[in-house]
């Protein structure tokens, strides 16, 4: 089956090349980056607290040493990974009264192989966060 794309007029036409997903994103600076997101059935405030409190964070974000650089409750947290001096930005967007979206951007990665590893790790860690918050609800 050939891939299709929608035009501005709403017509669907065959596309010359298939869409590509999960490629390593290389920034202008030469560094690589990866993103992951998840919708969670918990308030933004509780999700923010799970990121800010180092003891709580250690329960679901296993084996990662982070330093908080900046935070604004309950919207975002900026961290530095102490292991490899990379940057992590976490955006928390409320979706109604009891749901939120957590979006993680991990930047300053050295190569495309690390992107693949970190993508897998972040998907797993966001699942861990979801389970951790569900247990505490």
C-alpha atoms as a PDB file:
ATOM      1  CA  UNK A   1       0.000   0.000   0.000  1.00  0.00           C
ATOM      2  CA  UNK A   2       1.420   3.381  -1.007  1.00  0.00           C
ATOM      3  CA  UNK A   3       1.533   6.123   1.610  1.00  0.00           C
ATOM      4  CA  UNK A   4      -0.780   9.090   1.136  1.00  0.00           C
ATOM      5  CA  UNK A   5      -0.731  12.694   2.244  1.00  0.00           C
ATOM      6  CA  UNK A   6      -3.413  15.353   2.584  1.00  0.00           C
ATOM      7  CA  UNK A   7      -3.118  18.615   0.652  1.00  0.00           C
ATOM      8  CA  UNK A   8      -4.283  22.075   1.746  1.00  0.00           C
ATOM      9  CA  UNK A   9      -7.528  21.561  -0.145  1.00  0.00           C
ATOM     10  CA  UNK A  10      -8.238  18.331   1.740  1.00  0.00           C
ATOM     11  CA  UNK A  11      -7.515  16.001  -1.169  1.00  0.00           C
ATOM     12  CA  UNK A  12      -5.619  12.831  -0.375  1.00  0.00           C
ATOM     13  CA  UNK A  13      -2.871  12.093  -2.887  1.00  0.00           C
ATOM     14  CA  UNK A  14      -0.223   9.372  -3.097  1.00  0.00           C
ATOM     15  CA  UNK A  15       3.034  10.350  -1.464  1.00  0.00           C
ATOM     16  CA  UNK A  16       6.363   9.788  -3.201  1.00  0.00           C
ATOM     17  CA  UNK A  17       8.111   8.577  -0.086  1.00  0.00           C
ATOM     18  CA  UNK A  18       6.796   7.039   3.128  1.00  0.00           C
ATOM     19  CA  UNK A  19       6.901   9.026   6.362  1.00  0.00           C
ATOM     20  CA  UNK A  20       9.868   8.293   8.613  1.00  0.00           C
ATOM     21  CA  UNK A  21       9.390   7.999  12.353  1.00  0.00           C
ATOM     22  CA  UNK A  22      11.791   7.610  15.276  1.00  0.00           C
ATOM     23  CA  UNK A  23      14.804   9.070  13.514  1.00  0.00           C
ATOM     24  CA  UNK A  24      17.524  10.624  15.602  1.00  0.00           C
ATOM     25  CA  UNK A  25      17.067  14.380  15.737  1.00  0.00           C
ATOM     26  CA  UNK A  26      20.285  16.303  15.242  1.00  0.00           C
ATOM     27  CA  UNK A  27      20.215  19.903  16.445  1.00  0.00           C
ATOM     28  CA  UNK A  28      22.047  22.824  14.844  1.00  0.00           C
ATOM     29  CA  UNK A  29      24.599  22.666  17.621  1.00  0.00           C
ATOM     30  CA  UNK A  30      25.598  19.190  16.432  1.00  0.00           C
ATOM     31  CA  UNK A  31      24.069  17.492  19.454  1.00  0.00           C
ATOM     32  CA  UNK A  32      21.314  14.899  19.280  1.00  0.00           C
ATOM     33  CA  UNK A  33      17.969  14.973  21.089  1.00  0.00           C
ATOM     34  CA  UNK A  34      15.085  12.660  21.907  1.00  0.00           C
ATOM     35  CA  UNK A  35      11.519  13.321  23.068  1.00  0.00           C
ATOM     36  CA  UNK A  36       8.884  11.203  24.765  1.00  0.00           C
ATOM     37  CA  UNK A  37       5.443  11.995  26.139  1.00  0.00           C
ATOM     38  CA  UNK A  38       2.632  10.289  27.999  1.00  0.00           C
ATOM     39  CA  UNK A  39      -0.854  11.190  29.169  1.00  0.00           C
ATOM     40  CA  UNK A  40      -1.329  10.376  32.842  1.00  0.00           C
ATOM     41  CA  UNK A  41      -4.576  10.151  34.818  1.00  0.00           C
ATOM     42  CA  UNK A  42      -3.244  12.256  37.688  1.00  0.00           C
ATOM     43  CA  UNK A  43      -3.268  15.993  38.333  1.00  0.00           C
ATOM     44  CA  UNK A  44      -0.428  18.160  37.081  1.00  0.00           C
ATOM     45  CA  UNK A  45       0.419  19.133  40.675  1.00  0.00           C
ATOM     46  CA  UNK A  46       0.941  15.508  41.778  1.00  0.00           C
ATOM     47  CA  UNK A  47       2.973  14.786  38.662  1.00  0.00           C
ATOM     48  CA  UNK A  48       5.129  17.856  39.286  1.00  0.00           C
ATOM     49  CA  UNK A  49       5.720  16.722  42.891  1.00  0.00           C
ATOM     50  CA  UNK A  50       6.907  13.317  41.637  1.00  0.00           C
ATOM     51  CA  UNK A  51       9.592  15.082  39.570  1.00  0.00           C
ATOM     52  CA  UNK A  52      10.685  17.601  42.220  1.00  0.00           C
ATOM     53  CA  UNK A  53      10.985  15.362  45.291  1.00  0.00           C
ATOM     54  CA  UNK A  54      14.252  13.425  44.864  1.00  0.00           C
ATOM     55  CA  UNK A  55      13.126  10.559  47.138  1.00  0.00           C
ATOM     56  CA  UNK A  56       9.885  10.051  45.238  1.00  0.00           C
ATOM     57  CA  UNK A  57      11.687  10.425  41.899  1.00  0.00           C
ATOM     58  CA  UNK A  58      14.178   7.701  42.865  1.00  0.00           C
ATOM     59  CA  UNK A  59      11.290   5.215  43.195  1.00  0.00           C
ATOM     60  CA  UNK A  60      10.296   5.451  39.535  1.00  0.00           C
ATOM     61  CA  UNK A  61      13.335   7.007  37.796  1.00  0.00           C
ATOM     62  CA  UNK A  62      15.762   4.270  38.733  1.00  0.00           C
ATOM     63  CA  UNK A  63      19.523   4.670  38.458  1.00  0.00           C
ATOM     64  CA  UNK A  64      19.563   8.242  37.146  1.00  0.00           C
ATOM     65  CA  UNK A  65      21.206  11.083  39.072  1.00  0.00           C
ATOM     66  CA  UNK A  66      19.622  14.431  38.260  1.00  0.00           C
ATOM     67  CA  UNK A  67      20.126  18.004  39.393  1.00  0.00           C
ATOM     68  CA  UNK A  68      17.199  20.406  39.175  1.00  0.00           C
ATOM     69  CA  UNK A  69      18.225  23.625  37.427  1.00  0.00           C
ATOM     70  CA  UNK A  70      14.871  25.343  37.239  1.00  0.00           C
ATOM     71  CA  UNK A  71      11.241  24.581  38.052  1.00  0.00           C
ATOM     72  CA  UNK A  72       7.886  26.338  37.862  1.00  0.00           C
ATOM     73  CA  UNK A  73       5.020  24.546  39.606  1.00  0.00           C
ATOM     74  CA  UNK A  74       3.189  22.721  38.142  1.00  0.00           C
ATOM     75  CA  UNK A  75       4.245  23.419  34.551  1.00  0.00           C
ATOM     76  CA  UNK A  76       7.887  22.506  33.961  1.00  0.00           C
ATOM     77  CA  UNK A  77      11.136  21.198  35.368  1.00  0.00           C
ATOM     78  CA  UNK A  78      14.604  21.567  33.843  1.00  0.00           C
ATOM     79  CA  UNK A  79      17.244  19.116  34.968  1.00  0.00           C
ATOM     80  CA  UNK A  80      20.802  18.071  34.249  1.00  0.00           C
ATOM     81  CA  UNK A  81      21.771  14.416  34.102  1.00  0.00           C
ATOM     82  CA  UNK A  82      24.911  14.105  36.237  1.00  0.00           C
ATOM     83  CA  UNK A  83      26.156  10.968  34.449  1.00  0.00           C
ATOM     84  CA  UNK A  84      26.718  12.558  31.045  1.00  0.00           C
ATOM     85  CA  UNK A  85      25.989  16.281  31.567  1.00  0.00           C
ATOM     86  CA  UNK A  86      22.956  16.245  29.262  1.00  0.00           C
ATOM     87  CA  UNK A  87      19.861  18.441  29.633  1.00  0.00           C
ATOM     88  CA  UNK A  88      16.334  17.262  30.337  1.00  0.00           C
ATOM     89  CA  UNK A  89      13.261  19.471  30.050  1.00  0.00           C
ATOM     90  CA  UNK A  90       9.935  18.242  31.374  1.00  0.00           C
ATOM     91  CA  UNK A  91       6.727  20.019  30.395  1.00  0.00           C
ATOM     92  CA  UNK A  92       3.567  19.143  32.331  1.00  0.00           C
ATOM     93  CA  UNK A  93       0.304  20.229  30.709  1.00  0.00           C
ATOM     94  CA  UNK A  94      -2.985  19.862  32.582  1.00  0.00           C
ATOM     95  CA  UNK A  95      -5.807  18.241  30.616  1.00  0.00           C
ATOM     96  CA  UNK A  96      -8.913  18.831  32.679  1.00  0.00           C
ATOM     97  CA  UNK A  97      -9.083  18.336  36.439  1.00  0.00           C
ATOM     98  CA  UNK A  98      -7.409  14.974  36.830  1.00  0.00           C
ATOM     99  CA  UNK A  99      -5.242  14.346  33.746  1.00  0.00           C
ATOM    100  CA  UNK A 100      -2.034  15.751  32.373  1.00  0.00           C
ATOM    101  CA  UNK A 101       0.482  15.232  29.599  1.00  0.00           C
ATOM    102  CA  UNK A 102       4.146  14.822  30.510  1.00  0.00           C
ATOM    103  CA  UNK A 103       6.561  15.668  27.687  1.00  0.00           C
ATOM    104  CA  UNK A 104      10.277  14.956  28.162  1.00  0.00           C
ATOM    105  CA  UNK A 105      12.972  16.457  25.916  1.00  0.00           C
ATOM    106  CA  UNK A 106      16.460  15.044  26.463  1.00  0.00           C
ATOM    107  CA  UNK A 107      19.092  17.130  24.658  1.00  0.00           C
ATOM    108  CA  UNK A 108      22.863  17.363  24.229  1.00  0.00           C
ATOM    109  CA  UNK A 109      23.179  13.633  23.509  1.00  0.00           C
ATOM    110  CA  UNK A 110      26.471  12.671  21.881  1.00  0.00           C
ATOM    111  CA  UNK A 111      25.286  10.364  19.068  1.00  0.00           C
ATOM    112  CA  UNK A 112      22.361   8.623  17.376  1.00  0.00           C
ATOM    113  CA  UNK A 113      22.941   5.398  19.308  1.00  0.00           C
ATOM    114  CA  UNK A 114      22.330   7.233  22.592  1.00  0.00           C
ATOM    115  CA  UNK A 115      19.102   8.609  21.107  1.00  0.00           C
ATOM    116  CA  UNK A 116      17.778   5.093  20.564  1.00  0.00           C
ATOM    117  CA  UNK A 117      18.816   4.018  24.057  1.00  0.00           C
ATOM    118  CA  UNK A 118      17.343   7.099  25.730  1.00  0.00           C
ATOM    119  CA  UNK A 119      14.090   6.822  23.749  1.00  0.00           C
ATOM    120  CA  UNK A 120      13.594   3.305  25.080  1.00  0.00           C
ATOM    121  CA  UNK A 121      14.567   4.406  28.606  1.00  0.00           C
ATOM    122  CA  UNK A 122      12.207   7.376  28.673  1.00  0.00           C
ATOM    123  CA  UNK A 123       9.255   5.332  27.463  1.00  0.00           C
ATOM    124  CA  UNK A 124       9.942   2.855  30.260  1.00  0.00           C
ATOM    125  CA  UNK A 125      10.465   5.563  32.882  1.00  0.00           C
ATOM    126  CA  UNK A 126       7.220   7.334  31.922  1.00  0.00           C
ATOM    127  CA  UNK A 127       5.397   4.006  32.338  1.00  0.00           C
ATOM    128  CA  UNK A 128       7.085   3.693  35.756  1.00  0.00           C
ATOM    129  CA  UNK A 129       5.904   7.209  36.640  1.00  0.00           C
ATOM    130  CA  UNK A 130       2.349   6.309  35.654  1.00  0.00           C
ATOM    131  CA  UNK A 131       2.384   3.205  37.851  1.00  0.00           C
ATOM    132  CA  UNK A 132       4.010   5.074  40.745  1.00  0.00           C
ATOM    133  CA  UNK A 133       1.376   7.813  40.659  1.00  0.00           C
ATOM    134  CA  UNK A 134      -1.479   5.298  40.310  1.00  0.00           C
ATOM    135  CA  UNK A 135      -0.273   3.480  43.443  1.00  0.00           C
ATOM    136  CA  UNK A 136      -0.256   6.735  45.423  1.00  0.00           C
ATOM    137  CA  UNK A 137      -3.731   7.826  44.228  1.00  0.00           C
END
